[in-house]
């Protein structure tokens, strides 16, 4: 089995530039493949911290008495309009032929 490097860019245009520089040309649904690379992208922030209400009914309405909110395990949400790309990235990361993941996103 050929191994692939998964490169994740901040947005589709950056992924296209990286693909062009590496000579990767085979466009798929949500990524570009070729030459041992899978190049995909985020669309802004794919995952965000869950709202405070996700940690308990008492946090639905903010009050100083309930602060700070320090959960033992943080919860996250995926915006509905970004779910498809999140699913694509998750599937790519779990492919048996992916040997490494390269974060090519900006520092933010």
PDB file of N, CA and C in Angstrom:
ATOM      1  N   UNK A   1       0.851  -1.176   0.000  1.00  0.00           N
ATOM      2  CA  UNK A   1       0.000   0.000   0.000  1.00  0.00           C
ATOM      3  C   UNK A   1       0.897   1.239   0.000  1.00  0.00           C
ATOM      4  N   UNK A   2       0.590   2.182  -0.872  1.00  0.00           N
ATOM      5  CA  UNK A   2       1.325   3.440  -0.938  1.00  0.00           C
ATOM      6  C   UNK A   2       0.895   4.327   0.212  1.00  0.00           C
ATOM      7  N   UNK A   3       1.862   4.941   0.887  1.00  0.00           N
ATOM      8  CA  UNK A   3       1.489   5.855   1.969  1.00  0.00           C
ATOM      9  C   UNK A   3       1.357   7.268   1.417  1.00  0.00           C
ATOM     10  N   UNK A   4       0.523   8.048   2.077  1.00  0.00           N
ATOM     11  CA  UNK A   4       0.259   9.420   1.671  1.00  0.00           C
ATOM     12  C   UNK A   4       0.523  10.374   2.822  1.00  0.00           C
ATOM     13  N   UNK A   5       0.955  11.571   2.464  1.00  0.00           N
ATOM     14  CA  UNK A   5       1.014  12.687   3.408  1.00  0.00           C
ATOM     15  C   UNK A   5      -0.271  13.479   3.210  1.00  0.00           C
ATOM     16  N   UNK A   6      -0.961  13.718   4.290  1.00  0.00           N
ATOM     17  CA  UNK A   6      -2.162  14.550   4.253  1.00  0.00           C
ATOM     18  C   UNK A   6      -1.754  15.968   4.639  1.00  0.00           C
ATOM     19  N   UNK A   7      -1.934  16.905   3.727  1.00  0.00           N
ATOM     20  CA  UNK A   7      -1.614  18.304   3.971  1.00  0.00           C
ATOM     21  C   UNK A   7      -2.941  19.046   4.125  1.00  0.00           C
ATOM     22  N   UNK A   8      -3.107  19.748   5.250  1.00  0.00           N
ATOM     23  CA  UNK A   8      -4.349  20.482   5.507  1.00  0.00           C
ATOM     24  C   UNK A   8      -4.050  21.972   5.482  1.00  0.00           C
ATOM     25  N   UNK A   9      -4.702  22.670   4.551  1.00  0.00           N
ATOM     26  CA  UNK A   9      -4.535  24.111   4.392  1.00  0.00           C
ATOM     27  C   UNK A   9      -5.703  24.846   5.038  1.00  0.00           C
ATOM     28  N   UNK A  10      -5.533  26.149   5.213  1.00  0.00           N
ATOM     29  CA  UNK A  10      -6.551  26.997   5.842  1.00  0.00           C
ATOM     30  C   UNK A  10      -7.811  27.117   4.993  1.00  0.00           C
ATOM     31  N   UNK A  11      -7.624  27.200   3.671  1.00  0.00           N
ATOM     32  CA  UNK A  11      -8.784  27.397   2.783  1.00  0.00           C
ATOM     33  C   UNK A  11      -8.479  26.790   1.425  1.00  0.00           C
ATOM     34  N   UNK A  12      -9.513  26.598   0.609  1.00  0.00           N
ATOM     35  CA  UNK A  12      -9.334  25.939  -0.687  1.00  0.00           C
ATOM     36  C   UNK A  12      -8.304  26.599  -1.598  1.00  0.00           C
ATOM     37  N   UNK A  13      -8.243  27.919  -1.626  1.00  0.00           N
ATOM     38  CA  UNK A  13      -7.289  28.582  -2.525  1.00  0.00           C
ATOM     39  C   UNK A  13      -5.844  28.290  -2.130  1.00  0.00           C
ATOM     40  N   UNK A  14      -5.577  28.204  -0.843  1.00  0.00           N
ATOM     41  CA  UNK A  14      -4.227  27.874  -0.378  1.00  0.00           C
ATOM     42  C   UNK A  14      -3.911  26.417  -0.710  1.00  0.00           C
ATOM     43  N   UNK A  15      -4.887  25.537  -0.538  1.00  0.00           N
ATOM     44  CA  UNK A  15      -4.694  24.126  -0.894  1.00  0.00           C
ATOM     45  C   UNK A  15      -4.376  24.000  -2.379  1.00  0.00           C
ATOM     46  N   UNK A  16      -5.063  24.780  -3.218  1.00  0.00           N
ATOM     47  CA  UNK A  16      -4.810  24.743  -4.663  1.00  0.00           C
ATOM     48  C   UNK A  16      -3.395  25.221  -4.976  1.00  0.00           C
ATOM     49  N   UNK A  17      -2.924  26.233  -4.287  1.00  0.00           N
ATOM     50  CA  UNK A  17      -1.558  26.733  -4.497  1.00  0.00           C
ATOM     51  C   UNK A  17      -0.524  25.695  -4.079  1.00  0.00           C
ATOM     52  N   UNK A  18      -0.755  25.040  -2.943  1.00  0.00           N
ATOM     53  CA  UNK A  18       0.162  23.990  -2.470  1.00  0.00           C
ATOM     54  C   UNK A  18       0.166  22.831  -3.472  1.00  0.00           C
ATOM     55  N   UNK A  19      -1.026  22.440  -3.929  1.00  0.00           N
ATOM     56  CA  UNK A  19      -1.134  21.349  -4.896  1.00  0.00           C
ATOM     57  C   UNK A  19      -0.383  21.689  -6.181  1.00  0.00           C
ATOM     58  N   UNK A  20      -0.529  22.915  -6.657  1.00  0.00           N
ATOM     59  CA  UNK A  20       0.163  23.332  -7.876  1.00  0.00           C
ATOM     60  C   UNK A  20       1.676  23.270  -7.686  1.00  0.00           C
ATOM     61  N   UNK A  21       2.152  23.721  -6.533  1.00  0.00           N
ATOM     62  CA  UNK A  21       3.595  23.712  -6.257  1.00  0.00           C
ATOM     63  C   UNK A  21       4.144  22.289  -6.195  1.00  0.00           C
ATOM     64  N   UNK A  22       3.320  21.343  -5.725  1.00  0.00           N
ATOM     65  CA  UNK A  22       3.756  19.945  -5.603  1.00  0.00           C
ATOM     66  C   UNK A  22       3.411  19.102  -6.829  1.00  0.00           C
ATOM     67  N   UNK A  23       2.715  19.703  -7.794  1.00  0.00           N
ATOM     68  CA  UNK A  23       2.324  18.963  -8.991  1.00  0.00           C
ATOM     69  C   UNK A  23       1.191  17.985  -8.759  1.00  0.00           C
ATOM     70  N   UNK A  24       0.374  18.243  -7.748  1.00  0.00           N
ATOM     71  CA  UNK A  24      -0.761  17.380  -7.418  1.00  0.00           C
ATOM     72  C   UNK A  24      -1.981  17.901  -8.175  1.00  0.00           C
ATOM     73  N   UNK A  25      -2.621  17.034  -8.988  1.00  0.00           N
ATOM     74  CA  UNK A  25      -3.650  17.530  -9.908  1.00  0.00           C
ATOM     75  C   UNK A  25      -4.998  16.823  -9.857  1.00  0.00           C
ATOM     76  N   UNK A  26      -5.100  15.679  -9.216  1.00  0.00           N
ATOM     77  CA  UNK A  26      -6.339  14.895  -9.277  1.00  0.00           C
ATOM     78  C   UNK A  26      -7.364  15.407  -8.254  1.00  0.00           C
ATOM     79  N   UNK A  27      -8.328  16.187  -8.730  1.00  0.00           N
ATOM     80  CA  UNK A  27      -9.332  16.786  -7.849  1.00  0.00           C
ATOM     81  C   UNK A  27     -10.386  15.764  -7.457  1.00  0.00           C
ATOM     82  N   UNK A  28     -10.635  15.708  -6.165  1.00  0.00           N
ATOM     83  CA  UNK A  28     -11.659  14.832  -5.596  1.00  0.00           C
ATOM     84  C   UNK A  28     -12.685  15.716  -4.888  1.00  0.00           C
ATOM     85  N   UNK A  29     -13.628  15.094  -4.218  1.00  0.00           N
ATOM     86  CA  UNK A  29     -14.647  15.843  -3.476  1.00  0.00           C
ATOM     87  C   UNK A  29     -14.085  16.255  -2.115  1.00  0.00           C
ATOM     88  N   UNK A  30     -13.579  17.494  -2.008  1.00  0.00           N
ATOM     89  CA  UNK A  30     -13.057  17.989  -0.743  1.00  0.00           C
ATOM     90  C   UNK A  30     -11.554  17.863  -0.577  1.00  0.00           C
ATOM     91  N   UNK A  31     -10.854  17.367  -1.591  1.00  0.00           N
ATOM     92  CA  UNK A  31      -9.401  17.263  -1.511  1.00  0.00           C
ATOM     93  C   UNK A  31      -8.814  17.058  -2.902  1.00  0.00           C
ATOM     94  N   UNK A  32      -7.495  17.149  -2.972  1.00  0.00           N
ATOM     95  CA  UNK A  32      -6.754  16.940  -4.214  1.00  0.00           C
ATOM     96  C   UNK A  32      -5.726  15.856  -3.926  1.00  0.00           C
ATOM     97  N   UNK A  33      -5.552  14.930  -4.862  1.00  0.00           N
ATOM     98  CA  UNK A  33      -4.683  13.772  -4.614  1.00  0.00           C
ATOM     99  C   UNK A  33      -3.670  13.592  -5.732  1.00  0.00           C
ATOM    100  N   UNK A  34      -2.494  13.092  -5.366  1.00  0.00           N
ATOM    101  CA  UNK A  34      -1.495  12.735  -6.363  1.00  0.00           C
ATOM    102  C   UNK A  34      -0.092  12.773  -5.803  1.00  0.00           C
ATOM    103  N   UNK A  35       0.777  11.985  -6.392  1.00  0.00           N
ATOM    104  CA  UNK A  35       2.192  11.998  -6.020  1.00  0.00           C
ATOM    105  C   UNK A  35       2.463  11.716  -4.554  1.00  0.00           C
ATOM    106  N   UNK A  36       1.626  10.905  -3.929  1.00  0.00           N
ATOM    107  CA  UNK A  36       1.829  10.585  -2.510  1.00  0.00           C
ATOM    108  C   UNK A  36       1.257  11.620  -1.560  1.00  0.00           C
ATOM    109  N   UNK A  37       0.485  12.569  -2.096  1.00  0.00           N
ATOM    110  CA  UNK A  37      -0.126  13.608  -1.257  1.00  0.00           C
ATOM    111  C   UNK A  37      -1.641  13.582  -1.344  1.00  0.00           C
ATOM    112  N   UNK A  38      -2.268  13.899  -0.238  1.00  0.00           N
ATOM    113  CA  UNK A  38      -3.686  14.239  -0.163  1.00  0.00           C
ATOM    114  C   UNK A  38      -3.692  15.666   0.378  1.00  0.00           C
ATOM    115  N   UNK A  39      -4.241  16.587  -0.369  1.00  0.00           N
ATOM    116  CA  UNK A  39      -4.241  17.981   0.063  1.00  0.00           C
ATOM    117  C   UNK A  39      -5.681  18.415   0.248  1.00  0.00           C
ATOM    118  N   UNK A  40      -6.011  18.823   1.453  1.00  0.00           N
ATOM    119  CA  UNK A  40      -7.377  19.237   1.766  1.00  0.00           C
ATOM    120  C   UNK A  40      -7.327  20.576   2.492  1.00  0.00           C
ATOM    121  N   UNK A  41      -8.470  21.011   2.970  1.00  0.00           N
ATOM    122  CA  UNK A  41      -8.560  22.354   3.533  1.00  0.00           C
ATOM    123  C   UNK A  41      -9.661  22.458   4.569  1.00  0.00           C
ATOM    124  N   UNK A  42      -9.501  23.459   5.375  1.00  0.00           N
ATOM    125  CA  UNK A  42     -10.562  23.872   6.283  1.00  0.00           C
ATOM    126  C   UNK A  42     -11.331  24.967   5.544  1.00  0.00           C
ATOM    127  N   UNK A  43     -12.376  25.425   6.110  1.00  0.00           N
ATOM    128  CA  UNK A  43     -13.120  26.570   5.584  1.00  0.00           C
ATOM    129  C   UNK A  43     -13.340  27.490   6.779  1.00  0.00           C
ATOM    130  N   UNK A  44     -12.264  28.156   7.171  1.00  0.00           N
ATOM    131  CA  UNK A  44     -12.307  28.915   8.415  1.00  0.00           C
ATOM    132  C   UNK A  44     -12.160  27.945   9.568  1.00  0.00           C
ATOM    133  N   UNK A  45     -12.759  28.269  10.670  1.00  0.00           N
ATOM    134  CA  UNK A  45     -12.695  27.383  11.836  1.00  0.00           C
ATOM    135  C   UNK A  45     -13.772  26.321  11.704  1.00  0.00           C
ATOM    136  N   UNK A  46     -13.359  25.084  11.522  1.00  0.00           N
ATOM    137  CA  UNK A  46     -14.309  23.980  11.369  1.00  0.00           C
ATOM    138  C   UNK A  46     -14.940  23.599  12.703  1.00  0.00           C
ATOM    139  N   UNK A  47     -14.175  23.702  13.778  1.00  0.00           N
ATOM    140  CA  UNK A  47     -14.628  23.270  15.098  1.00  0.00           C
ATOM    141  C   UNK A  47     -14.510  24.445  16.062  1.00  0.00           C
ATOM    142  N   UNK A  48     -15.529  24.609  16.884  1.00  0.00           N
ATOM    143  CA  UNK A  48     -15.531  25.684  17.880  1.00  0.00           C
ATOM    144  C   UNK A  48     -15.883  25.108  19.242  1.00  0.00           C
ATOM    145  N   UNK A  49     -15.540  25.843  20.267  1.00  0.00           N
ATOM    146  CA  UNK A  49     -15.961  25.430  21.615  1.00  0.00           C
ATOM    147  C   UNK A  49     -17.473  25.506  21.711  1.00  0.00           C
ATOM    148  N   UNK A  50     -18.065  24.551  22.391  1.00  0.00           N
ATOM    149  CA  UNK A  50     -19.512  24.543  22.588  1.00  0.00           C
ATOM    150  C   UNK A  50     -19.924  25.710  23.482  1.00  0.00           C
ATOM    151  N   UNK A  51     -21.161  26.150  23.316  1.00  0.00           N
ATOM    152  CA  UNK A  51     -21.698  27.199  24.185  1.00  0.00           C
ATOM    153  C   UNK A  51     -21.732  26.714  25.629  1.00  0.00           C
ATOM    154  N   UNK A  52     -21.723  27.644  26.537  1.00  0.00           N
ATOM    155  CA  UNK A  52     -21.729  27.306  27.963  1.00  0.00           C
ATOM    156  C   UNK A  52     -22.910  26.417  28.338  1.00  0.00           C
ATOM    157  N   UNK A  53     -24.057  26.599  27.691  1.00  0.00           N
ATOM    158  CA  UNK A  53     -25.253  25.811  28.008  1.00  0.00           C
ATOM    159  C   UNK A  53     -25.037  24.317  27.775  1.00  0.00           C
ATOM    160  N   UNK A  54     -24.076  23.952  26.961  1.00  0.00           N
ATOM    161  CA  UNK A  54     -23.794  22.543  26.718  1.00  0.00           C
ATOM    162  C   UNK A  54     -23.282  21.838  27.974  1.00  0.00           C
ATOM    163  N   UNK A  55     -22.805  22.607  28.949  1.00  0.00           N
ATOM    164  CA  UNK A  55     -22.249  22.044  30.180  1.00  0.00           C
ATOM    165  C   UNK A  55     -23.256  21.961  31.311  1.00  0.00           C
ATOM    166  N   UNK A  56     -24.444  22.471  31.092  1.00  0.00           N
ATOM    167  CA  UNK A  56     -25.451  22.369  32.130  1.00  0.00           C
ATOM    168  C   UNK A  56     -26.512  23.450  31.994  1.00  0.00           C
ATOM    169  N   UNK A  57     -27.693  23.099  32.421  1.00  0.00           N
ATOM    170  CA  UNK A  57     -28.836  24.005  32.363  1.00  0.00           C
ATOM    171  C   UNK A  57     -28.551  25.315  33.100  1.00  0.00           C
ATOM    172  N   UNK A  58     -27.767  25.242  34.174  1.00  0.00           N
ATOM    173  CA  UNK A  58     -27.471  26.420  34.984  1.00  0.00           C
ATOM    174  C   UNK A  58     -26.651  27.461  34.222  1.00  0.00           C
ATOM    175  N   UNK A  59     -26.066  27.075  33.079  1.00  0.00           N
ATOM    176  CA  UNK A  59     -25.243  28.011  32.319  1.00  0.00           C
ATOM    177  C   UNK A  59     -25.963  28.624  31.124  1.00  0.00           C
ATOM    178  N   UNK A  60     -27.259  28.292  30.956  1.00  0.00           N
ATOM    179  CA  UNK A  60     -27.992  28.862  29.825  1.00  0.00           C
ATOM    180  C   UNK A  60     -28.065  30.378  29.917  1.00  0.00           C
ATOM    181  N   UNK A  61     -28.232  30.878  31.107  1.00  0.00           N
ATOM    182  CA  UNK A  61     -28.240  32.324  31.320  1.00  0.00           C
ATOM    183  C   UNK A  61     -26.998  32.659  32.138  1.00  0.00           C
ATOM    184  N   UNK A  62     -26.191  33.556  31.615  1.00  0.00           N
ATOM    185  CA  UNK A  62     -24.939  33.898  32.272  1.00  0.00           C
ATOM    186  C   UNK A  62     -25.170  34.678  33.554  1.00  0.00           C
ATOM    187  N   UNK A  63     -24.344  34.362  34.549  1.00  0.00           N
ATOM    188  CA  UNK A  63     -24.335  35.136  35.792  1.00  0.00           C
ATOM    189  C   UNK A  63     -22.925  35.082  36.362  1.00  0.00           C
ATOM    190  N   UNK A  64     -22.561  36.112  37.093  1.00  0.00           N
ATOM    191  CA  UNK A  64     -21.229  36.149  37.690  1.00  0.00           C
ATOM    192  C   UNK A  64     -21.023  35.011  38.677  1.00  0.00           C
ATOM    193  N   UNK A  65     -22.104  34.563  39.295  1.00  0.00           N
ATOM    194  CA  UNK A  65     -22.004  33.494  40.291  1.00  0.00           C
ATOM    195  C   UNK A  65     -21.537  32.166  39.681  1.00  0.00           C
ATOM    196  N   UNK A  66     -21.818  31.966  38.407  1.00  0.00           N
ATOM    197  CA  UNK A  66     -21.456  30.688  37.784  1.00  0.00           C
ATOM    198  C   UNK A  66     -20.059  30.714  37.153  1.00  0.00           C
ATOM    199  N   UNK A  67     -19.381  31.836  37.229  1.00  0.00           N
ATOM    200  CA  UNK A  67     -18.046  31.950  36.634  1.00  0.00           C
ATOM    201  C   UNK A  67     -16.951  31.631  37.649  1.00  0.00           C
ATOM    202  N   UNK A  68     -15.850  31.082  37.310  1.00  0.00           N
ATOM    203  CA  UNK A  68     -15.513  30.636  35.966  1.00  0.00           C
ATOM    204  C   UNK A  68     -16.128  29.275  35.656  1.00  0.00           C
ATOM    205  N   UNK A  69     -16.360  29.000  34.407  1.00  0.00           N
ATOM    206  CA  UNK A  69     -16.855  27.698  33.957  1.00  0.00           C
ATOM    207  C   UNK A  69     -15.630  26.915  33.494  1.00  0.00           C
ATOM    208  N   UNK A  70     -15.277  25.927  34.266  1.00  0.00           N
ATOM    209  CA  UNK A  70     -14.084  25.128  33.970  1.00  0.00           C
ATOM    210  C   UNK A  70     -14.452  23.648  33.887  1.00  0.00           C
ATOM    211  N   UNK A  71     -14.933  23.213  32.738  1.00  0.00           N
ATOM    212  CA  UNK A  71     -15.348  21.808  32.605  1.00  0.00           C
ATOM    213  C   UNK A  71     -14.160  20.859  32.678  1.00  0.00           C
ATOM    214  N   UNK A  72     -14.418  19.650  33.132  1.00  0.00           N
ATOM    215  CA  UNK A  72     -13.356  18.637  33.164  1.00  0.00           C
ATOM    216  C   UNK A  72     -12.988  18.209  31.756  1.00  0.00           C
ATOM    217  N   UNK A  73     -13.978  18.176  30.867  1.00  0.00           N
ATOM    218  CA  UNK A  73     -13.724  17.824  29.469  1.00  0.00           C
ATOM    219  C   UNK A  73     -14.430  18.842  28.584  1.00  0.00           C
ATOM    220  N   UNK A  74     -13.673  19.508  27.721  1.00  0.00           N
ATOM    221  CA  UNK A  74     -14.232  20.520  26.836  1.00  0.00           C
ATOM    222  C   UNK A  74     -15.057  19.870  25.734  1.00  0.00           C
ATOM    223  N   UNK A  75     -16.161  20.519  25.367  1.00  0.00           N
ATOM    224  CA  UNK A  75     -17.019  20.041  24.288  1.00  0.00           C
ATOM    225  C   UNK A  75     -16.865  20.966  23.090  1.00  0.00           C
ATOM    226  N   UNK A  76     -17.036  20.401  21.912  1.00  0.00           N
ATOM    227  CA  UNK A  76     -16.856  21.147  20.674  1.00  0.00           C
ATOM    228  C   UNK A  76     -18.065  20.970  19.776  1.00  0.00           C
ATOM    229  N   UNK A  77     -18.266  21.909  18.859  1.00  0.00           N
ATOM    230  CA  UNK A  77     -19.336  21.804  17.876  1.00  0.00           C
ATOM    231  C   UNK A  77     -18.763  22.090  16.490  1.00  0.00           C
ATOM    232  N   UNK A  78     -19.414  21.545  15.498  1.00  0.00           N
ATOM    233  CA  UNK A  78     -19.067  21.796  14.104  1.00  0.00           C
ATOM    234  C   UNK A  78     -20.238  22.565  13.499  1.00  0.00           C
ATOM    235  N   UNK A  79     -19.945  23.709  12.902  1.00  0.00           N
ATOM    236  CA  UNK A  79     -20.998  24.506  12.275  1.00  0.00           C
ATOM    237  C   UNK A  79     -21.668  23.682  11.177  1.00  0.00           C
ATOM    238  N   UNK A  80     -22.989  23.806  11.056  1.00  0.00           N
ATOM    239  CA  UNK A  80     -23.757  23.005  10.109  1.00  0.00           C
ATOM    240  C   UNK A  80     -23.251  23.162   8.678  1.00  0.00           C
ATOM    241  N   UNK A  81     -22.860  24.364   8.300  1.00  0.00           N
ATOM    242  CA  UNK A  81     -22.413  24.590   6.927  1.00  0.00           C
ATOM    243  C   UNK A  81     -20.993  24.087   6.678  1.00  0.00           C
ATOM    244  N   UNK A  82     -20.317  23.591   7.718  1.00  0.00           N
ATOM    245  CA  UNK A  82     -18.950  23.088   7.579  1.00  0.00           C
ATOM    246  C   UNK A  82     -18.854  21.596   7.851  1.00  0.00           C
ATOM    247  N   UNK A  83     -19.993  20.978   8.094  1.00  0.00           N
ATOM    248  CA  UNK A  83     -20.020  19.561   8.442  1.00  0.00           C
ATOM    249  C   UNK A  83     -19.455  18.649   7.373  1.00  0.00           C
ATOM    250  N   UNK A  84     -19.751  18.942   6.103  1.00  0.00           N
ATOM    251  CA  UNK A  84     -19.276  18.079   5.020  1.00  0.00           C
ATOM    252  C   UNK A  84     -17.755  18.080   4.949  1.00  0.00           C
ATOM    253  N   UNK A  85     -17.128  19.261   5.030  1.00  0.00           N
ATOM    254  CA  UNK A  85     -15.668  19.318   4.952  1.00  0.00           C
ATOM    255  C   UNK A  85     -15.023  18.714   6.194  1.00  0.00           C
ATOM    256  N   UNK A  86     -15.647  18.901   7.358  1.00  0.00           N
ATOM    257  CA  UNK A  86     -15.147  18.274   8.584  1.00  0.00           C
ATOM    258  C   UNK A  86     -15.141  16.752   8.416  1.00  0.00           C
ATOM    259  N   UNK A  87     -16.233  16.214   7.868  1.00  0.00           N
ATOM    260  CA  UNK A  87     -16.342  14.762   7.647  1.00  0.00           C
ATOM    261  C   UNK A  87     -15.261  14.290   6.679  1.00  0.00           C
ATOM    262  N   UNK A  88     -15.029  15.050   5.610  1.00  0.00           N
ATOM    263  CA  UNK A  88     -13.989  14.698   4.641  1.00  0.00           C
ATOM    264  C   UNK A  88     -12.624  14.638   5.316  1.00  0.00           C
ATOM    265  N   UNK A  89     -12.290  15.667   6.089  1.00  0.00           N
ATOM    266  CA  UNK A  89     -10.991  15.683   6.776  1.00  0.00           C
ATOM    267  C   UNK A  89     -10.862  14.530   7.760  1.00  0.00           C
ATOM    268  N   UNK A  90     -11.918  14.259   8.496  1.00  0.00           N
ATOM    269  CA  UNK A  90     -11.886  13.166   9.469  1.00  0.00           C
ATOM    270  C   UNK A  90     -11.640  11.827   8.760  1.00  0.00           C
ATOM    271  N   UNK A  91     -12.336  11.624   7.635  1.00  0.00           N
ATOM    272  CA  UNK A  91     -12.149  10.381   6.879  1.00  0.00           C
ATOM    273  C   UNK A  91     -10.727  10.281   6.332  1.00  0.00           C
ATOM    274  N   UNK A  92     -10.195  11.393   5.814  1.00  0.00           N
ATOM    275  CA  UNK A  92      -8.829  11.380   5.294  1.00  0.00           C
ATOM    276  C   UNK A  92      -7.818  11.068   6.395  1.00  0.00           C
ATOM    277  N   UNK A  93      -8.006  11.655   7.571  1.00  0.00           N
ATOM    278  CA  UNK A  93      -7.071  11.417   8.677  1.00  0.00           C
ATOM    279  C   UNK A  93      -7.079   9.974   9.155  1.00  0.00           C
ATOM    280  N   UNK A  94      -8.207   9.298   8.964  1.00  0.00           N
ATOM    281  CA  UNK A  94      -8.316   7.919   9.427  1.00  0.00           C
ATOM    282  C   UNK A  94      -8.023   6.887   8.340  1.00  0.00           C
ATOM    283  N   UNK A  95      -7.666   7.337   7.153  1.00  0.00           N
ATOM    284  CA  UNK A  95      -7.319   6.381   6.096  1.00  0.00           C
ATOM    285  C   UNK A  95      -6.067   5.607   6.497  1.00  0.00           C
ATOM    286  N   UNK A  96      -6.081   4.313   6.225  1.00  0.00           N
ATOM    287  CA  UNK A  96      -4.951   3.452   6.598  1.00  0.00           C
ATOM    288  C   UNK A  96      -3.674   3.834   5.860  1.00  0.00           C
ATOM    289  N   UNK A  97      -3.802   4.477   4.700  1.00  0.00           N
ATOM    290  CA  UNK A  97      -2.609   4.814   3.919  1.00  0.00           C
ATOM    291  C   UNK A  97      -2.032   6.192   4.238  1.00  0.00           C
ATOM    292  N   UNK A  98      -2.587   6.895   5.213  1.00  0.00           N
ATOM    293  CA  UNK A  98      -2.054   8.207   5.604  1.00  0.00           C
ATOM    294  C   UNK A  98      -0.975   7.988   6.660  1.00  0.00           C
ATOM    295  N   UNK A  99       0.247   8.362   6.298  1.00  0.00           N
ATOM    296  CA  UNK A  99       1.379   8.142   7.200  1.00  0.00           C
ATOM    297  C   UNK A  99       1.680   9.344   8.080  1.00  0.00           C
ATOM    298  N   UNK A 100       1.285  10.546   7.624  1.00  0.00           N
ATOM    299  CA  UNK A 100       1.510  11.742   8.433  1.00  0.00           C
ATOM    300  C   UNK A 100       0.542  12.833   8.009  1.00  0.00           C
ATOM    301  N   UNK A 101       0.326  13.763   8.929  1.00  0.00           N
ATOM    302  CA  UNK A 101      -0.542  14.909   8.676  1.00  0.00           C
ATOM    303  C   UNK A 101       0.316  16.165   8.807  1.00  0.00           C
ATOM    304  N   UNK A 102       0.234  17.021   7.799  1.00  0.00           N
ATOM    305  CA  UNK A 102       0.979  18.274   7.791  1.00  0.00           C
ATOM    306  C   UNK A 102       0.000  19.422   7.954  1.00  0.00           C
ATOM    307  N   UNK A 103       0.170  20.212   9.007  1.00  0.00           N
ATOM    308  CA  UNK A 103      -0.676  21.381   9.241  1.00  0.00           C
ATOM    309  C   UNK A 103      -0.103  22.549   8.449  1.00  0.00           C
ATOM    310  N   UNK A 104      -0.797  22.930   7.373  1.00  0.00           N
ATOM    311  CA  UNK A 104      -0.360  24.059   6.555  1.00  0.00           C
ATOM    312  C   UNK A 104      -1.314  25.242   6.730  1.00  0.00           C
ATOM    313  N   UNK A 105      -1.954  25.300   7.899  1.00  0.00           N
ATOM    314  CA  UNK A 105      -2.875  26.391   8.216  1.00  0.00           C
ATOM    315  C   UNK A 105      -2.091  27.567   8.791  1.00  0.00           C
ATOM    316  N   UNK A 106      -2.753  28.709   8.896  1.00  0.00           N
ATOM    317  CA  UNK A 106      -2.086  29.851   9.512  1.00  0.00           C
ATOM    318  C   UNK A 106      -2.012  29.652  11.030  1.00  0.00           C
ATOM    319  N   UNK A 107      -1.288  30.508  11.697  1.00  0.00           N
ATOM    320  CA  UNK A 107      -1.045  30.317  13.130  1.00  0.00           C
ATOM    321  C   UNK A 107      -2.289  30.521  13.979  1.00  0.00           C
ATOM    322  N   UNK A 108      -3.305  31.151  13.455  1.00  0.00           N
ATOM    323  CA  UNK A 108      -4.549  31.404  14.209  1.00  0.00           C
ATOM    324  C   UNK A 108      -5.311  30.141  14.395  1.00  0.00           C
TER     325      UNK A 108
END
